[in-house]
PDB file of all heavy atoms in Angstrom:
ATOM      1  N   ARG A   1     142.484 131.452 168.836  1.00  0.00           N
ATOM      2  CA  ARG A   1     143.434 132.432 169.348  1.00  0.00           C
ATOM      3  C   ARG A   1     144.810 131.805 169.443  1.00  0.00           C
ATOM      4  O   ARG A   1     144.977 130.751 170.064  1.00  0.00           O
ATOM      5  CB  ARG A   1     142.996 132.939 170.721  1.00  0.00           C
ATOM      6  CG  ARG A   1     141.681 133.690 170.725  1.00  0.00           C
ATOM      7  CD  ARG A   1     141.292 134.061 172.152  1.00  0.00           C
ATOM      8  NE  ARG A   1     139.994 134.707 172.181  1.00  0.00           N
ATOM      9  CZ  ARG A   1     139.803 136.008 172.111  1.00  0.00           C
ATOM     10  NH1 ARG A   1     140.851 136.806 171.987  1.00  0.00           N
ATOM     11  NH2 ARG A   1     138.599 136.523 172.163  1.00  0.00           N
ATOM     12  N   GLY A   2     145.787 132.464 168.842  1.00  0.00           N
ATOM     13  CA  GLY A   2     147.142 131.921 168.823  1.00  0.00           C
ATOM     14  C   GLY A   2     147.513 131.309 167.496  1.00  0.00           C
ATOM     15  O   GLY A   2     148.689 131.087 167.212  1.00  0.00           O
ATOM     16  N   ASN A   3     146.500 131.026 166.658  1.00  0.00           N
ATOM     17  CA  ASN A   3     146.774 130.527 165.308  1.00  0.00           C
ATOM     18  C   ASN A   3     147.218 131.639 164.359  1.00  0.00           C
ATOM     19  O   ASN A   3     147.721 131.368 163.265  1.00  0.00           O
ATOM     20  CB  ASN A   3     145.536 129.859 164.697  1.00  0.00           C
ATOM     21  CG  ASN A   3     145.452 128.370 164.979  1.00  0.00           C
ATOM     22  OD1 ASN A   3     144.551 127.923 165.667  1.00  0.00           O
ATOM     23  ND2 ASN A   3     146.412 127.600 164.476  1.00  0.00           N
ATOM     24  N   SER A   4     147.014 132.884 164.770  1.00  0.00           N
ATOM     25  CA  SER A   4     147.356 134.007 163.894  1.00  0.00           C
ATOM     26  C   SER A   4     148.809 133.929 163.445  1.00  0.00           C
ATOM     27  O   SER A   4     149.710 133.781 164.263  1.00  0.00           O
ATOM     28  CB  SER A   4     147.144 135.332 164.631  1.00  0.00           C
ATOM     29  OG  SER A   4     145.787 135.626 164.749  1.00  0.00           O
ATOM     30  N   GLY A   5     149.023 134.084 162.148  1.00  0.00           N
ATOM     31  CA  GLY A   5     150.369 134.063 161.594  1.00  0.00           C
ATOM     32  C   GLY A   5     150.847 132.697 161.178  1.00  0.00           C
ATOM     33  O   GLY A   5     151.903 132.565 160.553  1.00  0.00           O
ATOM     34  N   GLY A   6     150.092 131.658 161.511  1.00  0.00           N
ATOM     35  CA  GLY A   6     150.473 130.302 161.124  1.00  0.00           C
ATOM     36  C   GLY A   6     150.070 129.984 159.697  1.00  0.00           C
ATOM     37  O   GLY A   6     149.268 130.696 159.089  1.00  0.00           O
ATOM     38  N   PRO A   7     150.610 128.906 159.143  1.00  0.00           N
ATOM     39  CA  PRO A   7     150.343 128.565 157.744  1.00  0.00           C
ATOM     40  C   PRO A   7     149.128 127.672 157.547  1.00  0.00           C
ATOM     41  O   PRO A   7     148.765 126.882 158.418  1.00  0.00           O
ATOM     42  CB  PRO A   7     151.615 127.812 157.337  1.00  0.00           C
ATOM     43  CG  PRO A   7     152.032 127.117 158.601  1.00  0.00           C
ATOM     44  CD  PRO A   7     151.649 128.036 159.731  1.00  0.00           C
ATOM     45  N   THR A   8     148.510 127.813 156.387  1.00  0.00           N
ATOM     46  CA  THR A   8     147.539 126.846 155.876  1.00  0.00           C
ATOM     47  C   THR A   8     148.200 126.117 154.711  1.00  0.00           C
ATOM     48  O   THR A   8     148.709 126.759 153.788  1.00  0.00           O
ATOM     49  CB  THR A   8     146.266 127.541 155.379  1.00  0.00           C
ATOM     50  OG1 THR A   8     145.626 128.201 156.473  1.00  0.00           O
ATOM     51  CG2 THR A   8     145.296 126.541 154.779  1.00  0.00           C
ATOM     52  N   PHE A   9     148.218 124.793 154.759  1.00  0.00           N
ATOM     53  CA  PHE A   9     148.886 123.975 153.749  1.00  0.00           C
ATOM     54  C   PHE A   9     147.890 123.298 152.830  1.00  0.00           C
ATOM     55  O   PHE A   9     146.767 122.969 153.242  1.00  0.00           O
ATOM     56  CB  PHE A   9     149.724 122.874 154.415  1.00  0.00           C
ATOM     57  CG  PHE A   9     150.875 123.364 155.234  1.00  0.00           C
ATOM     58  CD1 PHE A   9     150.795 123.385 156.626  1.00  0.00           C
ATOM     59  CD2 PHE A   9     152.046 123.784 154.636  1.00  0.00           C
ATOM     60  CE1 PHE A   9     151.856 123.819 157.392  1.00  0.00           C
ATOM     61  CE2 PHE A   9     153.118 124.227 155.390  1.00  0.00           C
ATOM     62  CZ  PHE A   9     153.031 124.245 156.774  1.00  0.00           C
ATOM     63  N   ASP A  10     148.323 123.046 151.596  1.00  0.00           N
ATOM     64  CA  ASP A  10     147.579 122.127 150.737  1.00  0.00           C
ATOM     65  C   ASP A  10     148.094 120.720 151.007  1.00  0.00           C
ATOM     66  O   ASP A  10     148.961 120.501 151.871  1.00  0.00           O
ATOM     67  CB  ASP A  10     147.688 122.515 149.261  1.00  0.00           C
ATOM     68  CG  ASP A  10     149.113 122.434 148.730  1.00  0.00           C
ATOM     69  OD1 ASP A  10     149.993 121.857 149.401  1.00  0.00           O
ATOM     70  OD2 ASP A  10     149.357 122.958 147.619  1.00  0.00           O
ATOM     71  N   LEU A  11     147.588 119.733 150.281  1.00  0.00           N
ATOM     72  CA  LEU A  11     147.968 118.344 150.549  1.00  0.00           C
ATOM     73  C   LEU A  11     149.378 118.004 150.071  1.00  0.00           C
ATOM     74  O   LEU A  11     149.860 116.893 150.300  1.00  0.00           O
ATOM     75  CB  LEU A  11     146.958 117.383 149.910  1.00  0.00           C
ATOM     76  CG  LEU A  11     145.593 117.319 150.602  1.00  0.00           C
ATOM     77  CD1 LEU A  11     144.715 116.249 149.975  1.00  0.00           C
ATOM     78  CD2 LEU A  11     145.737 117.066 152.098  1.00  0.00           C
ATOM     79  N   TYR A  12     150.037 118.964 149.419  1.00  0.00           N
ATOM     80  CA  TYR A  12     151.423 118.758 149.008  1.00  0.00           C
ATOM     81  C   TYR A  12     152.397 119.410 149.989  1.00  0.00           C
ATOM     82  O   TYR A  12     153.609 119.382 149.773  1.00  0.00           O
ATOM     83  CB  TYR A  12     151.651 119.327 147.604  1.00  0.00           C
ATOM     84  CG  TYR A  12     150.804 118.664 146.551  1.00  0.00           C
ATOM     85  CD1 TYR A  12     149.593 119.237 146.153  1.00  0.00           C
ATOM     86  CD2 TYR A  12     151.191 117.455 145.969  1.00  0.00           C
ATOM     87  CE1 TYR A  12     148.792 118.633 145.194  1.00  0.00           C
ATOM     88  CE2 TYR A  12     150.396 116.835 145.008  1.00  0.00           C
ATOM     89  CZ  TYR A  12     149.198 117.426 144.631  1.00  0.00           C
ATOM     90  OH  TYR A  12     148.409 116.818 143.689  1.00  0.00           O
ATOM     91  N   GLY A  13     151.869 120.013 151.040  1.00  0.00           N
ATOM     92  CA  GLY A  13     152.718 120.650 152.023  1.00  0.00           C
ATOM     93  C   GLY A  13     153.180 122.035 151.633  1.00  0.00           C
ATOM     94  O   GLY A  13     154.146 122.553 152.202  1.00  0.00           O
ATOM     95  N   ARG A  14     152.486 122.662 150.691  1.00  0.00           N
ATOM     96  CA  ARG A  14     152.830 124.010 150.271  1.00  0.00           C
ATOM     97  C   ARG A  14     151.884 125.003 150.927  1.00  0.00           C
ATOM     98  O   ARG A  14     150.697 124.720 151.100  1.00  0.00           O
ATOM     99  CB  ARG A  14     152.752 124.130 148.752  1.00  0.00           C
ATOM    100  CG  ARG A  14     153.736 123.194 148.039  1.00  0.00           C
ATOM    101  CD  ARG A  14     153.467 123.110 146.555  1.00  0.00           C
ATOM    102  NE  ARG A  14     152.142 122.611 146.245  1.00  0.00           N
ATOM    103  CZ  ARG A  14     151.798 122.066 145.074  1.00  0.00           C
ATOM    104  NH1 ARG A  14     152.708 121.959 144.111  1.00  0.00           N
ATOM    105  NH2 ARG A  14     150.576 121.650 144.858  1.00  0.00           N
ATOM    106  N   VAL A  15     152.415 126.171 151.293  1.00  0.00           N
ATOM    107  CA  VAL A  15     151.629 127.177 152.006  1.00  0.00           C
ATOM    108  C   VAL A  15     150.699 127.895 151.032  1.00  0.00           C
ATOM    109  O   VAL A  15     151.154 128.516 150.078  1.00  0.00           O
ATOM    110  CB  VAL A  15     152.545 128.201 152.703  1.00  0.00           C
ATOM    111  CG1 VAL A  15     151.701 129.245 153.437  1.00  0.00           C
ATOM    112  CG2 VAL A  15     153.491 127.503 153.673  1.00  0.00           C
ATOM    113  N   ILE A  16     149.421 127.816 151.292  1.00  0.00           N
ATOM    114  CA  ILE A  16     148.449 128.503 150.438  1.00  0.00           C
ATOM    115  C   ILE A  16     147.874 129.743 151.116  1.00  0.00           C
ATOM    116  O   ILE A  16     147.154 130.520 150.486  1.00  0.00           O
ATOM    117  CB  ILE A  16     147.303 127.573 150.019  1.00  0.00           C
ATOM    118  CG1 ILE A  16     146.512 127.110 151.246  1.00  0.00           C
ATOM    119  CG2 ILE A  16     147.825 126.391 149.214  1.00  0.00           C
ATOM    120  CD1 ILE A  16     145.189 126.464 150.903  1.00  0.00           C
ATOM    121  N   GLY A  17     148.198 129.943 152.405  1.00  0.00           N
ATOM    122  CA  GLY A  17     147.676 131.113 153.087  1.00  0.00           C
ATOM    123  C   GLY A  17     148.292 131.301 154.460  1.00  0.00           C
ATOM    124  O   GLY A  17     148.884 130.372 155.027  1.00  0.00           O
ATOM    125  N   VAL A  18     148.158 132.518 154.985  1.00  0.00           N
ATOM    126  CA  VAL A  18     148.611 132.851 156.337  1.00  0.00           C
ATOM    127  C   VAL A  18     147.380 133.140 157.181  1.00  0.00           C
ATOM    128  O   VAL A  18     146.650 134.101 156.930  1.00  0.00           O
ATOM    129  CB  VAL A  18     149.549 134.081 156.335  1.00  0.00           C
ATOM    130  CG1 VAL A  18     150.016 134.389 157.761  1.00  0.00           C
ATOM    131  CG2 VAL A  18     150.736 133.859 155.416  1.00  0.00           C
ATOM    132  N   ASN A  19     147.110 132.302 158.168  1.00  0.00           N
ATOM    133  CA  ASN A  19     145.909 132.433 158.988  1.00  0.00           C
ATOM    134  C   ASN A  19     145.896 133.761 159.725  1.00  0.00           C
ATOM    135  O   ASN A  19     146.894 134.153 160.330  1.00  0.00           O
ATOM    136  CB  ASN A  19     145.838 131.289 160.006  1.00  0.00           C
ATOM    137  CG  ASN A  19     145.813 129.937 159.330  1.00  0.00           C
ATOM    138  OD1 ASN A  19     145.216 129.774 158.272  1.00  0.00           O
ATOM    139  ND2 ASN A  19     146.474 128.954 159.932  1.00  0.00           N
ATOM    140  N   THR A  20     144.751 134.439 159.696  1.00  0.00           N
ATOM    141  CA  THR A  20     144.746 135.780 160.280  1.00  0.00           C
ATOM    142  C   THR A  20     143.453 136.195 160.961  1.00  0.00           C
ATOM    143  O   THR A  20     143.467 137.088 161.797  1.00  0.00           O
ATOM    144  CB  THR A  20     145.091 136.824 159.193  1.00  0.00           C
ATOM    145  OG1 THR A  20     145.375 138.069 159.793  1.00  0.00           O
ATOM    146  CG2 THR A  20     143.957 136.981 158.198  1.00  0.00           C
ATOM    147  N   ALA A  21     142.307 135.581 160.653  1.00  0.00           N
ATOM    148  CA  ALA A  21     141.044 136.074 161.218  1.00  0.00           C
ATOM    149  C   ALA A  21     140.025 134.960 161.305  1.00  0.00           C
ATOM    150  O   ALA A  21     140.117 133.948 160.609  1.00  0.00           O
ATOM    151  CB  ALA A  21     140.497 137.216 160.357  1.00  0.00           C
ATOM    152  N   ILE A  22     139.055 135.158 162.206  1.00  0.00           N
ATOM    153  CA  ILE A  22     137.947 134.212 162.336  1.00  0.00           C
ATOM    154  C   ILE A  22     136.643 134.973 162.502  1.00  0.00           C
ATOM    155  O   ILE A  22     136.625 136.111 162.952  1.00  0.00           O
ATOM    156  CB  ILE A  22     138.130 133.247 163.536  1.00  0.00           C
ATOM    157  CG1 ILE A  22     138.254 134.035 164.847  1.00  0.00           C
ATOM    158  CG2 ILE A  22     139.315 132.337 163.321  1.00  0.00           C
ATOM    159  CD1 ILE A  22     138.304 133.161 166.081  1.00  0.00           C
ATOM    160  N   VAL A  23     135.559 134.319 162.138  1.00  0.00           N
ATOM    161  CA  VAL A  23     134.223 134.786 162.509  1.00  0.00           C
ATOM    162  C   VAL A  23     133.817 133.958 163.712  1.00  0.00           C
ATOM    163  O   VAL A  23     133.869 132.734 163.662  1.00  0.00           O
ATOM    164  CB  VAL A  23     133.218 134.591 161.358  1.00  0.00           C
ATOM    165  CG1 VAL A  23     131.801 134.814 161.853  1.00  0.00           C
ATOM    166  CG2 VAL A  23     133.518 135.545 160.219  1.00  0.00           C
ATOM    167  N   THR A  24     133.432 134.620 164.798  1.00  0.00           N
ATOM    168  CA  THR A  24     133.181 133.862 166.020  1.00  0.00           C
ATOM    169  C   THR A  24     132.147 134.540 166.897  1.00  0.00           C
ATOM    170  O   THR A  24     132.167 135.760 167.041  1.00  0.00           O
ATOM    171  CB  THR A  24     134.483 133.687 166.828  1.00  0.00           C
ATOM    172  OG1 THR A  24     134.182 133.101 168.093  1.00  0.00           O
ATOM    173  CG2 THR A  24     135.199 135.002 167.037  1.00  0.00           C
ATOM    174  N   PRO A  25     131.250 133.771 167.522  1.00  0.00           N
ATOM    175  CA  PRO A  25     130.328 134.347 168.491  1.00  0.00           C
ATOM    176  C   PRO A  25     130.915 134.400 169.888  1.00  0.00           C
ATOM    177  O   PRO A  25     130.385 135.048 170.765  1.00  0.00           O
ATOM    178  CB  PRO A  25     129.134 133.385 168.436  1.00  0.00           C
ATOM    179  CG  PRO A  25     129.753 132.074 168.088  1.00  0.00           C
ATOM    180  CD  PRO A  25     130.921 132.377 167.183  1.00  0.00           C
ATOM    181  N   SER A  26     132.031 133.679 170.115  1.00  0.00           N
ATOM    182  CA  SER A  26     132.545 133.534 171.473  1.00  0.00           C
ATOM    183  C   SER A  26     134.033 133.793 171.614  1.00  0.00           C
ATOM    184  O   SER A  26     134.553 133.820 172.720  1.00  0.00           O
ATOM    185  CB  SER A  26     132.267 132.111 171.961  1.00  0.00           C
ATOM    186  OG  SER A  26     132.962 131.167 171.150  1.00  0.00           O
ATOM    187  N   GLY A  27     134.749 133.969 170.504  1.00  0.00           N
ATOM    188  CA  GLY A  27     136.201 134.097 170.561  1.00  0.00           C
ATOM    189  C   GLY A  27     136.894 132.803 170.177  1.00  0.00           C
ATOM    190  O   GLY A  27     138.104 132.794 169.941  1.00  0.00           O
ATOM    191  N   ALA A  28     136.169 131.717 170.119  1.00  0.00           N
ATOM    192  CA  ALA A  28     136.734 130.426 169.737  1.00  0.00           C
ATOM    193  C   ALA A  28     136.266 130.057 168.336  1.00  0.00           C
ATOM    194  O   ALA A  28     135.389 130.693 167.762  1.00  0.00           O
ATOM    195  CB  ALA A  28     136.323 129.351 170.741  1.00  0.00           C
TER     196      ALA A  28
END
């Protein structure tokens, strides 16, 4: 929670995705 909208980087520091969802049994 709170990671929504943050970037996922590859090892070159380039954005490969925008974090938006999780599968979770507890919210974490």
